[in-house]
Amino acid sequence: MQRPPALPLSPAVSGFGTPLRRFGIASRAAQTLGIEYLDTCKKALDDLGATWGALAAARSPTEILAVQTAYLHRAGERAAARSAAAGDAMLGLTGALLRPKAEPLAAPAPAPARPGPAR
């Protein structure tokens, strides 16, 4: 005969399988997001290097201002695209993490009591 646990677990968590599964989902999501951020950082550094070269070749303050403005515009577009992509990736990859575990089928409801003689 098995005794019920002293502190019953919530229906969403049962045993070691669920936490391990969720840890796997979270680690895959973190890895995917890390790869995306590293790729974005590489593109940003390449763009920064090209911008420094253009700034070194600039001959007037107007050219310098144009190069800086173009760089800030590209950097802003990259940041907006990265935020949108990271949000979509997080929602897609961690959807299973946030979704509660399916509830087991409930036991059938007991039959209603029949009315007995009035006392």
Protein backbone atom coordinates (compact mmCIF):
# COMPACT_ATOMS: atom_id res chain seq x y z
CA MET A 1 0.00 0.00 0.00
CA GLN A 2 1.32 3.40 -0.96
CA ARG A 3 0.76 6.50 1.15
CA PRO A 4 -0.11 9.80 -0.50
CA PRO A 5 2.70 12.36 -0.51
CA ALA A 6 2.82 14.77 2.41
CA LEU A 7 3.01 17.74 0.03
CA PRO A 8 1.11 16.90 -3.14
CA LEU A 9 2.65 18.18 -6.35
CA SER A 10 0.74 20.50 -8.59
CA PRO A 11 -0.85 18.78 -11.59
CA ALA A 12 1.52 20.68 -13.91
CA VAL A 13 4.62 19.09 -12.35
CA SER A 14 4.92 15.37 -12.03
CA GLY A 15 8.22 13.69 -11.30
CA PHE A 16 11.61 14.51 -12.78
CA GLY A 17 10.55 14.26 -16.42
CA THR A 18 8.78 17.60 -16.60
CA PRO A 19 11.55 19.77 -15.09
CA LEU A 20 14.18 18.04 -17.22
CA ARG A 21 12.07 18.44 -20.36
CA ARG A 22 11.53 22.11 -19.59
CA PHE A 23 15.23 22.62 -18.89
CA GLY A 24 15.99 21.11 -22.30
CA ILE A 25 13.53 23.44 -23.98
CA ALA A 26 14.97 26.47 -22.18
CA SER A 27 18.56 25.50 -23.02
CA ARG A 28 17.71 25.05 -26.73
CA ALA A 29 15.99 28.44 -26.73
CA ALA A 30 18.99 30.08 -25.07
CA GLN A 31 21.37 28.46 -27.55
CA THR A 32 19.32 29.58 -30.54
CA LEU A 33 19.03 33.13 -29.23
CA GLY A 34 22.76 33.22 -28.45
CA ILE A 35 23.62 32.18 -32.01
CA GLU A 36 21.31 34.87 -33.40
CA TYR A 37 22.83 37.55 -31.17
CA LEU A 38 26.39 36.53 -32.08
CA ASP A 39 25.49 36.70 -35.77
CA THR A 40 24.00 40.16 -35.26
CA CYS A 41 27.10 41.29 -33.33
CA LYS A 42 29.36 40.11 -36.16
CA LYS A 43 27.31 42.05 -38.70
CA ALA A 44 27.38 45.13 -36.47
CA LEU A 45 31.17 44.95 -36.05
CA ASP A 46 31.65 44.55 -39.81
CA ASP A 47 29.43 47.60 -40.39
CA LEU A 48 31.31 49.56 -37.72
CA GLY A 49 34.64 48.74 -39.39
CA ALA A 50 33.33 49.92 -42.75
CA THR A 51 31.99 53.08 -41.11
CA TRP A 52 35.38 53.82 -39.51
CA GLY A 53 36.98 53.45 -42.94
CA ALA A 54 34.45 55.85 -44.45
CA LEU A 55 35.01 58.31 -41.60
CA ALA A 56 38.78 58.17 -42.14
CA ALA A 57 38.29 58.90 -45.83
CA ALA A 58 35.84 61.76 -45.23
CA ARG A 59 37.17 65.19 -46.22
CA SER A 60 34.57 67.58 -44.78
CA PRO A 61 32.33 67.88 -41.74
CA THR A 62 29.29 67.40 -43.98
CA GLU A 63 30.63 64.04 -45.19
CA ILE A 64 31.40 62.98 -41.60
CA LEU A 65 27.87 63.89 -40.52
CA ALA A 66 26.38 61.97 -43.47
CA VAL A 67 28.46 58.84 -42.65
CA GLN A 68 27.48 59.02 -38.96
CA THR A 69 23.80 59.52 -39.77
CA ALA A 70 23.79 56.57 -42.16
CA TYR A 71 25.50 54.39 -39.56
CA LEU A 72 23.00 55.33 -36.83
CA HIS A 73 20.12 54.65 -39.21
CA ARG A 74 21.49 51.17 -40.07
CA ALA A 75 22.17 50.43 -36.38
CA GLY A 76 18.61 51.38 -35.44
CA GLU A 77 17.16 49.16 -38.16
CA ARG A 78 19.36 46.28 -37.00
CA ALA A 79 18.24 46.73 -33.38
CA ALA A 80 14.56 46.78 -34.36
CA ALA A 81 14.95 43.69 -36.55
CA ARG A 82 16.91 41.88 -33.82
CA SER A 83 14.26 42.65 -31.20
CA ALA A 84 11.44 41.40 -33.41
CA ALA A 85 13.35 38.26 -34.39
CA ALA A 86 14.36 37.53 -30.79
CA GLY A 87 10.77 37.96 -29.60
CA ASP A 88 9.45 35.62 -32.29
CA ALA A 89 12.17 33.06 -31.56
CA MET A 90 11.47 33.19 -27.81
CA LEU A 91 7.75 32.72 -28.31
CA GLY A 92 8.29 29.87 -30.74
CA LEU A 93 10.96 28.07 -28.75
CA THR A 94 9.54 28.50 -25.26
CA GLY A 95 5.89 27.94 -26.11
CA ALA A 96 6.18 24.36 -24.88
CA LEU A 97 7.92 25.59 -21.74
CA LEU A 98 5.08 27.93 -20.85
CA ARG A 99 2.29 25.55 -21.82
CA PRO A 100 1.05 23.57 -18.82
CA LYS A 101 1.21 19.82 -18.93
CA ALA A 102 -2.00 18.22 -20.16
CA GLU A 103 -4.30 17.28 -17.35
CA PRO A 104 -5.04 13.56 -16.98
CA LEU A 105 -8.55 12.49 -17.75
CA ALA A 106 -10.76 13.22 -14.79
CA ALA A 107 -12.59 10.42 -13.05
CA PRO A 108 -16.27 10.23 -13.97
CA ALA A 109 -18.52 12.25 -11.70
CA PRO A 110 -20.42 10.19 -9.12
CA ALA A 111 -24.06 9.51 -9.88
CA PRO A 112 -26.45 11.97 -8.24
CA ALA A 113 -28.03 10.72 -5.03
CA ARG A 114 -31.57 9.49 -5.33
CA PRO A 115 -34.08 11.31 -3.22
CA GLY A 116 -35.17 9.22 -0.29
CA PRO A 117 -38.31 9.27 1.75
CA ALA A 118 -39.03 12.58 3.46
CA ARG A 119 -38.65 12.58 7.24
